[in-house]
N, C-alpha and C. Protein backbone atom coordinates (compact mmCIF):
# COMPACT_ATOMS: atom_id res chain seq x y z
N MET A 1 116.68 212.96 33.29
CA MET A 1 116.09 212.74 32.46
C MET A 1 116.00 210.93 32.29
N LYS A 2 115.08 210.91 31.38
CA LYS A 2 113.44 209.77 31.32
C LYS A 2 114.74 208.12 30.92
N ILE A 3 115.07 207.46 31.66
CA ILE A 3 116.01 206.43 31.17
C ILE A 3 114.98 204.94 31.49
N GLY A 4 114.86 204.43 30.31
CA GLY A 4 114.51 202.67 30.52
C GLY A 4 114.90 201.65 30.65
N LEU A 5 115.28 200.91 31.28
CA LEU A 5 115.76 200.41 31.80
C LEU A 5 115.28 198.74 30.99
N PHE A 6 116.58 198.01 30.20
CA PHE A 6 115.73 197.04 29.38
C PHE A 6 117.02 196.02 30.00
N PHE A 7 116.44 195.20 31.16
CA PHE A 7 117.08 193.75 32.13
C PHE A 7 117.13 192.73 31.60
N GLY A 8 118.28 191.87 31.06
CA GLY A 8 118.46 190.96 30.41
C GLY A 8 119.26 189.93 30.53
N SER A 9 120.17 188.53 29.95
CA SER A 9 120.88 187.95 30.52
C SER A 9 121.64 188.60 28.45
N PHE A 10 120.80 188.43 28.00
CA PHE A 10 121.96 189.34 27.02
C PHE A 10 122.46 187.87 26.56
N ASN A 11 122.32 186.33 26.33
CA ASN A 11 123.05 185.70 26.17
C ASN A 11 122.96 185.07 25.06
N PRO A 12 123.61 184.94 23.82
CA PRO A 12 124.59 186.88 23.44
C PRO A 12 123.14 187.53 23.16
N VAL A 13 123.47 189.12 23.27
CA VAL A 13 122.41 190.20 22.31
C VAL A 13 121.84 189.85 21.28
N HIS A 14 121.40 190.36 20.54
CA HIS A 14 120.68 189.31 19.19
C HIS A 14 120.12 190.83 18.49
N VAL A 15 119.71 191.01 17.56
CA VAL A 15 118.79 191.70 16.76
C VAL A 15 117.86 192.25 17.23
N GLY A 16 117.14 191.77 17.66
CA GLY A 16 115.56 191.66 18.42
C GLY A 16 115.75 192.49 19.19
N HIS A 17 116.29 191.70 20.75
CA HIS A 17 117.36 192.89 21.36
C HIS A 17 117.46 194.78 21.25
N LEU A 18 117.92 194.74 20.43
CA LEU A 18 118.62 196.28 20.03
C LEU A 18 117.17 196.45 19.21
N ILE A 19 116.63 195.86 17.89
CA ILE A 19 115.56 196.74 17.83
C ILE A 19 115.06 197.15 19.07
N ILE A 20 114.39 196.51 19.82
CA ILE A 20 113.33 196.17 21.04
C ILE A 20 113.76 197.72 21.24
N ALA A 21 115.47 197.34 21.82
CA ALA A 21 115.80 198.84 22.86
C ALA A 21 115.40 200.51 22.13
N ASN A 22 115.96 199.74 20.67
CA ASN A 22 116.42 201.39 19.88
C ASN A 22 114.77 201.75 19.29
N TYR A 23 113.74 201.19 19.34
CA TYR A 23 112.31 201.09 19.10
C TYR A 23 112.23 201.94 20.21
N MET A 24 112.41 201.68 21.64
CA MET A 24 111.90 202.32 23.10
C MET A 24 113.36 204.24 23.38
N ALA A 25 113.91 203.87 22.23
CA ALA A 25 114.54 204.87 22.79
C ALA A 25 114.45 205.58 21.41
N THR A 26 113.55 205.83 20.21
CA THR A 26 113.19 206.51 19.53
C THR A 26 112.10 206.93 19.34
N GLN A 27 111.20 205.74 19.67
CA GLN A 27 109.42 205.92 19.37
C GLN A 27 108.41 205.81 20.97
N THR A 28 109.37 206.67 21.58
CA THR A 28 108.69 206.80 22.66
C THR A 28 108.72 207.75 23.69
N ASP A 29 108.32 208.23 24.56
CA ASP A 29 109.12 209.56 25.64
C ASP A 29 110.21 208.99 26.34
N LEU A 30 110.99 208.11 26.06
CA LEU A 30 112.71 208.13 26.73
C LEU A 30 113.34 208.77 25.91
N ASP A 31 113.79 209.62 26.97
CA ASP A 31 115.59 209.76 25.99
C ASP A 31 116.56 208.55 25.35
N ARG A 32 116.53 207.83 27.04
CA ARG A 32 117.98 206.83 26.59
C ARG A 32 117.37 205.19 27.22
N VAL A 33 118.15 204.41 26.50
CA VAL A 33 117.21 203.01 27.11
C VAL A 33 119.05 202.67 27.75
N TRP A 34 119.52 202.15 28.66
CA TRP A 34 120.21 201.34 29.09
C TRP A 34 120.02 199.54 29.30
N LEU A 35 121.02 199.13 28.48
CA LEU A 35 120.86 197.42 28.10
C LEU A 35 121.23 196.86 29.19
N VAL A 36 120.54 196.84 30.63
CA VAL A 36 121.45 195.99 31.56
C VAL A 36 121.74 194.42 31.93
N VAL A 37 122.45 194.14 31.50
CA VAL A 37 123.13 192.90 31.84
C VAL A 37 123.37 192.26 32.79
N SER A 38 122.47 191.02 33.27
CA SER A 38 121.54 190.41 34.74
C SER A 38 123.07 189.38 34.34
N PRO A 39 124.05 189.57 35.94
CA PRO A 39 124.39 187.84 35.99
C PRO A 39 123.33 186.90 35.73
N HIS A 40 122.50 186.97 37.08
CA HIS A 40 122.00 185.92 37.09
C HIS A 40 120.25 186.56 37.26
N ASN A 41 119.79 186.13 36.59
CA ASN A 41 118.68 186.36 36.73
C ASN A 41 117.82 184.87 37.95
N PRO A 42 117.58 185.41 38.60
CA PRO A 42 116.62 183.91 39.90
C PRO A 42 116.27 183.07 39.35
N LEU A 43 115.74 183.72 37.89
CA LEU A 43 114.70 182.82 37.96
C LEU A 43 115.16 182.36 36.52
N LYS A 44 116.15 182.28 35.79
CA LYS A 44 116.90 180.90 34.79
C LYS A 44 118.16 180.33 35.34
N PRO A 45 118.01 179.25 35.03
CA PRO A 45 119.49 178.09 35.73
C PRO A 45 121.05 179.42 34.30
N LYS A 46 121.77 179.64 35.66
CA LYS A 46 122.92 179.96 35.37
C LYS A 46 123.95 178.88 34.65
N LYS A 47 124.05 177.91 34.47
CA LYS A 47 124.97 176.95 33.92
C LYS A 47 124.55 177.68 32.80
N THR A 48 124.01 178.38 32.21
CA THR A 48 123.73 177.87 30.32
C THR A 48 124.21 179.45 30.52
N LEU A 49 124.87 180.39 31.05
CA LEU A 49 125.39 181.62 30.48
C LEU A 49 126.95 181.53 30.19
N ALA A 50 126.78 182.66 29.11
CA ALA A 50 128.88 182.88 28.99
C ALA A 50 129.03 183.91 30.53
N ARG A 51 130.19 184.16 30.45
CA ARG A 51 130.94 185.23 31.35
C ARG A 51 129.92 186.88 31.29
N ASP A 52 130.20 187.17 32.58
CA ASP A 52 129.17 188.14 32.37
C ASP A 52 129.97 189.31 31.31
N HIS A 53 131.16 189.48 31.41
CA HIS A 53 131.88 190.60 31.15
C HIS A 53 132.03 190.66 29.64
N ASP A 54 131.79 188.78 29.31
CA ASP A 54 132.07 188.57 27.87
C ASP A 54 130.55 188.99 26.86
N ARG A 55 129.11 188.58 27.46
CA ARG A 55 127.78 189.30 27.74
C ARG A 55 127.73 190.86 27.45
N LEU A 56 128.71 191.60 28.25
CA LEU A 56 128.50 192.98 28.55
C LEU A 56 129.24 193.44 27.34
N HIS A 57 130.23 193.09 26.81
CA HIS A 57 131.26 193.34 25.45
C HIS A 57 130.06 192.65 24.43
N LEU A 58 129.69 192.14 24.40
CA LEU A 58 128.80 192.10 22.66
C LEU A 58 127.83 192.93 23.13
N VAL A 59 126.74 193.51 24.28
CA VAL A 59 125.47 194.16 24.43
C VAL A 59 126.67 195.66 23.65
N ARG A 60 128.01 196.08 24.31
CA ARG A 60 128.84 197.68 23.73
C ARG A 60 128.77 196.86 22.10
N LEU A 61 129.80 195.99 21.63
CA LEU A 61 129.59 195.89 19.88
C LEU A 61 128.55 195.88 19.35
N GLY A 62 127.39 195.27 19.78
CA GLY A 62 125.63 195.77 19.46
C GLY A 62 124.99 196.74 19.01
N ILE A 63 125.35 197.64 20.52
CA ILE A 63 124.98 198.81 20.54
C ILE A 63 126.31 199.92 19.29
N GLY A 64 127.33 199.59 18.98
CA GLY A 64 127.92 200.31 18.48
C GLY A 64 128.11 201.79 18.89
N ASP A 65 127.80 202.70 17.59
CA ASP A 65 127.49 204.23 18.29
C ASP A 65 126.42 204.88 18.28
N ASN A 66 125.84 203.80 18.61
CA ASN A 66 123.95 204.42 18.95
C ASN A 66 123.97 204.83 20.48
N PRO A 67 123.95 207.00 20.23
CA PRO A 67 123.51 207.49 21.50
C PRO A 67 122.76 207.41 22.29
N ARG A 68 121.19 206.62 21.83
CA ARG A 68 120.44 206.61 22.92
C ARG A 68 120.44 205.23 23.39
N LEU A 69 121.26 204.50 23.18
CA LEU A 69 121.19 203.63 23.64
C LEU A 69 122.67 202.90 24.14
N LYS A 70 122.64 201.98 25.31
CA LYS A 70 124.10 202.33 26.99
C LYS A 70 123.80 200.42 27.65
N ALA A 71 125.61 200.30 27.03
CA ALA A 71 125.45 198.81 28.23
C ALA A 71 126.03 199.42 29.43
N SER A 72 124.86 198.41 29.99
CA SER A 72 125.14 198.91 31.98
C SER A 72 125.37 197.78 32.65
N ASP A 73 126.58 197.36 33.49
CA ASP A 73 127.36 196.89 34.04
C ASP A 73 126.73 196.73 35.70
N VAL A 74 125.35 197.32 36.26
CA VAL A 74 125.53 198.24 36.83
C VAL A 74 124.61 197.01 37.94
N GLU A 75 124.51 196.17 37.25
CA GLU A 75 124.22 194.45 38.58
C GLU A 75 125.77 193.70 38.83
N PHE A 76 126.46 194.01 37.90
CA PHE A 76 127.83 193.46 38.52
C PHE A 76 128.12 193.59 39.93
N GLN A 77 127.87 194.65 40.26
CA GLN A 77 128.51 195.10 41.71
C GLN A 77 127.54 195.00 43.02
N LEU A 78 126.20 194.20 42.25
CA LEU A 78 125.31 194.00 43.65
C LEU A 78 125.58 192.85 43.67
N PRO A 79 124.52 192.25 45.55
CA PRO A 79 124.87 190.51 45.15
C PRO A 79 124.10 189.83 43.81
N LYS A 80 124.07 188.54 43.88
CA LYS A 80 123.69 187.78 43.29
C LYS A 80 122.41 186.47 44.12
N PRO A 81 121.88 186.72 43.59
CA PRO A 81 121.20 186.96 42.51
C PRO A 81 121.14 188.20 42.68
N SER A 82 120.23 188.53 41.26
CA SER A 82 120.12 190.28 40.72
C SER A 82 118.50 189.88 41.07
N TYR A 83 117.81 190.89 41.51
CA TYR A 83 116.65 191.25 42.03
C TYR A 83 116.59 192.32 41.30
N THR A 84 115.29 192.84 40.24
CA THR A 84 115.80 194.32 39.68
C THR A 84 114.82 194.91 40.46
N ILE A 85 114.19 194.72 41.57
CA ILE A 85 113.88 195.63 42.81
C ILE A 85 115.16 196.40 43.69
N ASP A 86 116.17 195.41 43.50
CA ASP A 86 116.93 196.12 44.42
C ASP A 86 118.15 196.88 43.43
N THR A 87 118.28 196.04 42.24
CA THR A 87 118.75 197.12 41.04
C THR A 87 117.94 198.45 40.75
N LEU A 88 116.90 198.71 40.99
CA LEU A 88 116.43 200.20 40.89
C LEU A 88 116.92 200.72 41.83
N LEU A 89 116.49 200.69 43.31
CA LEU A 89 116.68 201.12 44.43
C LEU A 89 118.43 202.01 44.53
N PHE A 90 119.55 200.71 44.10
CA PHE A 90 120.75 201.25 43.87
C PHE A 90 120.62 202.68 43.13
N LEU A 91 120.08 202.21 41.74
CA LEU A 91 120.00 203.47 40.91
C LEU A 91 119.82 204.35 41.21
N LYS A 92 118.44 204.21 41.89
CA LYS A 92 117.50 205.75 41.62
C LYS A 92 118.33 206.52 43.02
N GLU A 93 118.81 205.63 43.67
CA GLU A 93 120.34 206.39 45.00
C GLU A 93 121.12 207.37 44.44
N LYS A 94 122.07 206.56 42.96
CA LYS A 94 123.36 206.59 43.10
C LYS A 94 122.88 207.67 41.41
N HIS A 95 121.35 207.96 41.15
CA HIS A 95 120.76 208.90 39.93
C HIS A 95 120.02 209.20 40.41
N PRO A 96 120.04 210.28 41.50
CA PRO A 96 118.27 211.10 41.29
C PRO A 96 118.07 211.84 40.81
N GLU A 97 119.35 212.42 39.81
CA GLU A 97 118.57 212.87 38.70
C GLU A 97 118.37 212.44 36.69
N HIS A 98 118.45 211.36 37.54
CA HIS A 98 117.33 210.37 36.57
C HIS A 98 115.74 209.88 36.74
N GLN A 99 114.63 209.43 35.94
CA GLN A 99 113.32 208.49 36.58
C GLN A 99 114.04 207.67 35.54
N PHE A 100 113.44 206.22 36.24
CA PHE A 100 113.70 205.01 36.08
C PHE A 100 112.74 204.25 35.46
N VAL A 101 112.58 203.80 34.45
CA VAL A 101 110.90 202.81 33.51
C VAL A 101 112.10 201.64 33.09
N LEU A 102 111.02 200.83 34.55
CA LEU A 102 111.48 199.58 33.24
C LEU A 102 110.65 198.84 32.02
N ILE A 103 111.90 198.16 31.00
CA ILE A 103 111.00 198.03 29.73
C ILE A 103 111.13 195.99 29.71
N MET A 104 110.64 195.54 29.83
CA MET A 104 109.77 193.95 29.56
C MET A 104 109.19 193.68 28.47
N GLY A 105 109.33 192.96 28.29
CA GLY A 105 108.80 191.71 27.11
C GLY A 105 107.54 191.45 27.92
N GLY A 106 106.61 190.90 26.95
CA GLY A 106 105.04 190.42 27.53
C GLY A 106 104.93 188.84 28.22
N ASP A 107 105.95 188.50 28.28
CA ASP A 107 105.93 187.52 29.21
C ASP A 107 106.95 187.77 30.69
N SER A 108 107.52 188.95 30.45
CA SER A 108 107.71 189.37 32.15
C SER A 108 107.09 189.68 32.29
N LEU A 109 106.04 190.68 32.09
CA LEU A 109 105.46 191.23 32.76
C LEU A 109 103.74 189.92 33.24
N ALA A 110 104.07 189.09 32.43
CA ALA A 110 103.08 187.96 32.72
C ALA A 110 103.00 187.39 34.14
N SER A 111 104.69 187.32 34.30
CA SER A 111 105.24 186.41 35.68
C SER A 111 105.82 187.36 36.42
N LEU A 112 105.54 188.94 36.75
CA LEU A 112 106.14 189.70 37.82
C LEU A 112 105.43 189.65 39.00
N HIS A 113 104.75 188.37 39.40
CA HIS A 113 103.76 188.38 39.98
C HIS A 113 105.07 187.47 41.14
N LEU A 114 106.09 187.01 40.59
CA LEU A 114 106.41 186.54 41.00
C LEU A 114 107.90 186.64 41.20
N TRP A 115 108.35 187.68 41.44
CA TRP A 115 109.83 188.74 41.40
C TRP A 115 109.00 189.00 43.32
N LYS A 116 110.45 189.17 43.11
CA LYS A 116 110.34 189.52 44.29
C LYS A 116 110.25 191.56 44.44
N ASN A 117 109.32 191.78 45.72
CA ASN A 117 108.79 192.97 46.23
C ASN A 117 107.86 193.88 44.93
N TYR A 118 107.66 192.77 44.13
CA TYR A 118 106.82 193.56 42.59
C TYR A 118 105.30 194.34 43.15
N GLU A 119 105.76 194.55 43.85
CA GLU A 119 104.24 195.56 44.73
C GLU A 119 104.89 196.90 44.37
N GLN A 120 106.24 196.60 44.95
CA GLN A 120 107.15 198.05 45.16
C GLN A 120 107.36 198.55 44.03
N ILE A 121 107.55 197.52 43.69
CA ILE A 121 108.36 198.40 41.43
C ILE A 121 107.24 198.52 41.03
N LEU A 122 105.98 197.87 40.89
CA LEU A 122 104.68 198.82 40.28
C LEU A 122 104.02 199.79 41.34
N ALA A 123 104.41 200.08 42.47
CA ALA A 123 104.45 201.39 43.02
C ALA A 123 105.10 202.60 42.39
N GLY A 124 106.75 202.00 41.92
CA GLY A 124 107.13 203.30 42.37
C GLY A 124 107.72 203.51 40.38
N TYR A 125 107.49 202.32 40.13
CA TYR A 125 108.08 202.96 38.15
C TYR A 125 107.37 202.22 37.15
N ASP A 126 107.65 202.78 36.20
CA ASP A 126 106.13 202.39 35.05
C ASP A 126 107.02 202.03 34.19
N ILE A 127 106.36 201.05 34.10
CA ILE A 127 106.67 199.54 33.17
C ILE A 127 106.74 199.86 31.35
N TYR A 128 107.50 199.96 30.80
CA TYR A 128 106.92 200.05 28.77
C TYR A 128 107.14 198.54 28.27
N VAL A 129 106.06 197.59 28.40
CA VAL A 129 105.99 196.16 27.54
C VAL A 129 105.89 196.16 26.71
N TYR A 130 106.57 195.31 25.83
CA TYR A 130 106.87 195.27 24.58
C TYR A 130 105.92 194.07 24.15
N ARG A 131 105.30 193.82 23.41
CA ARG A 131 104.04 192.83 22.92
C ARG A 131 105.20 191.24 22.36
N ARG A 132 105.00 190.56 22.59
CA ARG A 132 105.60 189.19 21.78
C ARG A 132 104.95 188.14 21.02
N PRO A 133 104.96 187.65 20.49
CA PRO A 133 103.85 186.42 20.09
C PRO A 133 103.79 185.95 20.88
N ASN A 134 101.83 185.21 20.19
CA ASN A 134 101.31 184.47 21.14
C ASN A 134 101.88 184.46 22.45
N ILE A 135 101.73 185.76 22.96
CA ILE A 135 102.15 185.75 24.87
C ILE A 135 101.19 186.59 25.39
N GLU A 136 100.31 186.27 26.70
CA GLU A 136 99.07 186.60 26.84
C GLU A 136 99.60 187.51 28.14
N LEU A 137 99.54 188.92 28.05
CA LEU A 137 100.18 189.55 29.13
C LEU A 137 99.54 189.12 30.76
N GLY A 138 98.42 188.77 31.10
CA GLY A 138 97.83 188.67 32.25
C GLY A 138 97.52 189.88 32.30
N PRO A 139 96.18 189.92 34.20
CA PRO A 139 95.70 191.53 34.60
C PRO A 139 96.96 192.34 34.79
N LEU A 140 97.70 191.84 34.83
CA LEU A 140 98.49 193.17 35.16
C LEU A 140 98.87 194.00 33.80
N ALA A 141 98.37 194.49 32.82
CA ALA A 141 98.44 194.50 31.94
C ALA A 141 97.66 196.05 31.81
N GLU A 142 96.68 196.35 32.89
CA GLU A 142 95.71 196.79 33.32
C GLU A 142 96.10 197.37 34.39
N HIS A 143 97.44 197.86 34.49
CA HIS A 143 98.15 198.57 35.62
C HIS A 143 97.60 199.88 35.04
N PRO A 144 97.58 200.78 35.90
CA PRO A 144 98.17 201.93 35.64
C PRO A 144 98.91 202.72 35.21
N ARG A 145 100.26 202.15 36.15
CA ARG A 145 101.45 202.12 35.53
C ARG A 145 102.48 201.48 34.41
N VAL A 146 101.70 200.32 34.03
CA VAL A 146 101.86 199.86 32.35
C VAL A 146 101.32 200.51 31.20
N ARG A 147 102.42 200.70 30.66
CA ARG A 147 102.29 200.94 28.96
C ARG A 147 102.00 200.28 28.43
N ILE A 148 101.38 199.95 27.40
CA ILE A 148 102.24 198.39 26.57
C ILE A 148 102.48 199.09 25.25
N PHE A 149 103.89 198.73 23.94
CA PHE A 149 103.65 198.71 22.70
C PHE A 149 104.24 197.80 22.25
N GLU A 150 104.02 198.13 20.82
CA GLU A 150 103.76 196.84 19.67
C GLU A 150 105.19 197.06 18.62
N PRO A 151 106.31 196.93 18.90
CA PRO A 151 107.57 197.14 17.90
C PRO A 151 107.11 195.84 16.96
N PRO A 152 108.17 196.11 16.13
CA PRO A 152 108.57 194.90 14.78
C PRO A 152 108.01 194.10 15.75
N PRO A 153 106.86 192.80 15.27
CA PRO A 153 107.52 191.04 15.29
C PRO A 153 108.64 190.84 15.03
N LEU A 154 109.19 190.06 16.58
CA LEU A 154 110.29 189.36 15.34
C LEU A 154 110.10 188.29 16.51
N ASP A 155 110.88 186.64 15.83
CA ASP A 155 110.68 185.52 17.11
C ASP A 155 111.77 185.14 17.53
N ILE A 156 113.01 185.68 17.59
CA ILE A 156 114.31 184.92 17.97
C ILE A 156 114.86 185.07 19.41
N SER A 157 115.20 184.15 19.80
CA SER A 157 115.54 184.20 21.16
C SER A 157 117.01 183.43 20.83
N ALA A 158 117.82 184.14 22.09
CA ALA A 158 119.14 184.09 22.69
C ALA A 158 119.19 182.38 23.04
N THR A 159 118.65 181.31 23.04
CA THR A 159 118.16 179.46 23.50
C THR A 159 118.70 179.89 21.67
N TYR A 160 117.88 179.87 20.48
CA TYR A 160 118.52 179.51 19.46
C TYR A 160 119.60 180.23 18.29
N VAL A 161 120.35 181.55 18.98
CA VAL A 161 121.61 181.37 19.07
C VAL A 161 122.01 181.01 19.33
N ARG A 162 122.18 180.43 20.09
CA ARG A 162 123.56 179.48 21.06
C ARG A 162 122.95 177.90 20.51
N ASP A 163 122.51 177.48 20.22
CA ASP A 163 121.98 176.74 19.56
C ASP A 163 122.52 176.10 18.44
N CYS A 164 122.32 177.19 17.99
CA CYS A 164 122.86 177.31 16.47
C CYS A 164 124.51 177.76 16.43
N LEU A 165 124.99 178.11 17.62
CA LEU A 165 125.92 178.22 17.20
C LEU A 165 126.77 176.68 17.85
N LYS A 166 126.12 176.07 19.25
CA LYS A 166 126.57 174.95 19.43
C LYS A 166 126.66 174.03 17.85
N ALA A 167 125.75 174.13 17.28
CA ALA A 167 125.67 173.02 15.70
C ALA A 167 126.48 173.16 15.02
N GLY A 168 127.31 174.54 15.21
CA GLY A 168 128.60 174.87 13.79
C GLY A 168 127.29 175.48 12.62
N LYS A 169 125.98 176.29 12.91
CA LYS A 169 125.20 177.03 11.96
C LYS A 169 125.37 178.26 12.26
N SER A 170 125.36 179.47 11.44
CA SER A 170 126.05 180.47 11.02
C SER A 170 125.10 181.37 11.96
N VAL A 171 125.17 182.72 12.56
CA VAL A 171 123.61 182.95 12.91
C VAL A 171 124.11 184.62 13.00
N ARG A 172 124.78 184.57 11.18
CA ARG A 172 125.12 186.07 10.79
C ARG A 172 123.58 186.98 10.24
N TYR A 173 123.38 187.93 10.78
CA TYR A 173 121.51 188.34 10.30
C TYR A 173 121.47 188.31 11.85
N LEU A 174 121.03 187.39 12.90
CA LEU A 174 120.63 187.30 13.52
C LEU A 174 120.98 188.36 15.07
N VAL A 175 122.01 188.48 14.52
CA VAL A 175 123.34 189.67 15.47
C VAL A 175 123.61 190.14 14.97
N PRO A 176 123.84 191.62 15.40
CA PRO A 176 124.71 192.94 15.09
C PRO A 176 125.95 192.09 14.03
N ASP A 177 126.63 192.73 13.39
CA ASP A 177 127.38 192.16 12.40
C ASP A 177 129.17 192.25 13.64
N ALA A 178 129.25 193.57 14.45
CA ALA A 178 130.46 193.15 15.27
C ALA A 178 130.11 192.19 15.95
N VAL A 179 129.12 192.02 16.18
CA VAL A 179 128.71 190.59 17.67
C VAL A 179 128.96 188.85 16.53
N TRP A 180 128.52 189.13 15.18
CA TRP A 180 128.44 187.67 14.70
C TRP A 180 130.31 187.72 14.41
N GLU A 181 131.42 188.83 14.18
CA GLU A 181 132.30 189.03 13.70
C GLU A 181 133.49 188.50 15.17
N TYR A 182 133.05 188.81 16.29
CA TYR A 182 132.90 188.34 17.58
C TYR A 182 133.34 187.00 17.68
N LEU A 183 132.11 186.72 18.02
CA LEU A 183 131.63 184.79 17.73
C LEU A 183 132.67 183.95 16.79
N GLU A 184 132.06 184.50 15.77
CA GLU A 184 132.71 183.60 14.77
C GLU A 184 134.85 183.69 15.29
N SER A 185 135.11 184.90 15.22
CA SER A 185 136.80 184.37 16.05
C SER A 185 137.45 183.70 16.98
N GLY A 186 136.10 183.46 17.72
CA GLY A 186 136.65 182.13 18.79
C GLY A 186 136.01 181.27 19.36
N LYS A 187 135.62 180.67 20.26
CA LYS A 187 134.33 179.86 20.55
C LYS A 187 133.34 179.56 21.84
N MET A 188 133.11 181.20 22.29
CA MET A 188 131.89 181.08 22.50
C MET A 188 131.17 181.15 22.05
N TYR A 189 130.01 179.96 22.96
CA TYR A 189 128.85 179.60 23.11
C TYR A 189 129.49 177.74 22.60
N ARG A 190 130.41 177.30 21.53
CA ARG A 190 130.38 176.48 20.92
C ARG A 190 131.10 175.44 21.74
């Protein structure tokens, strides 16, 4: 099976994440997309993150019964901070029956040269890049392992969702209904 790995903090997951994941799962040659909840992206501050299992729970709520998408906690069992190359090697060993593909935004492609062992990632894995508004893709966009896709443009960020929640504003329709209901019932991000 050809599995797309969509890594993210998903802090919290929002409709933009799910639209991209569903687009990649249904409009490319991928069989499934796993939304890999990252405990700590070494290029982002950890202090703003909700607890790992809370973010994973929100991803599961957001996915609902979509059989093409799966929430993954694979990085929870790996050393922190999470490095993509380590996760890829772990998954390749654990699931040799699958072919793994990275899914990332254009902003991540532009900074890929900063990632641990990025040359090894490019040598061993295809990368499916979704364009983001006003982001230059950089020179790696021409790499033979990189494919560029044009999902519907959305400019929603988890930071914006968190800021709305902190300010007591509604995030309805920015996040899936089940996520909205869960967030409304508690104090997460407030």
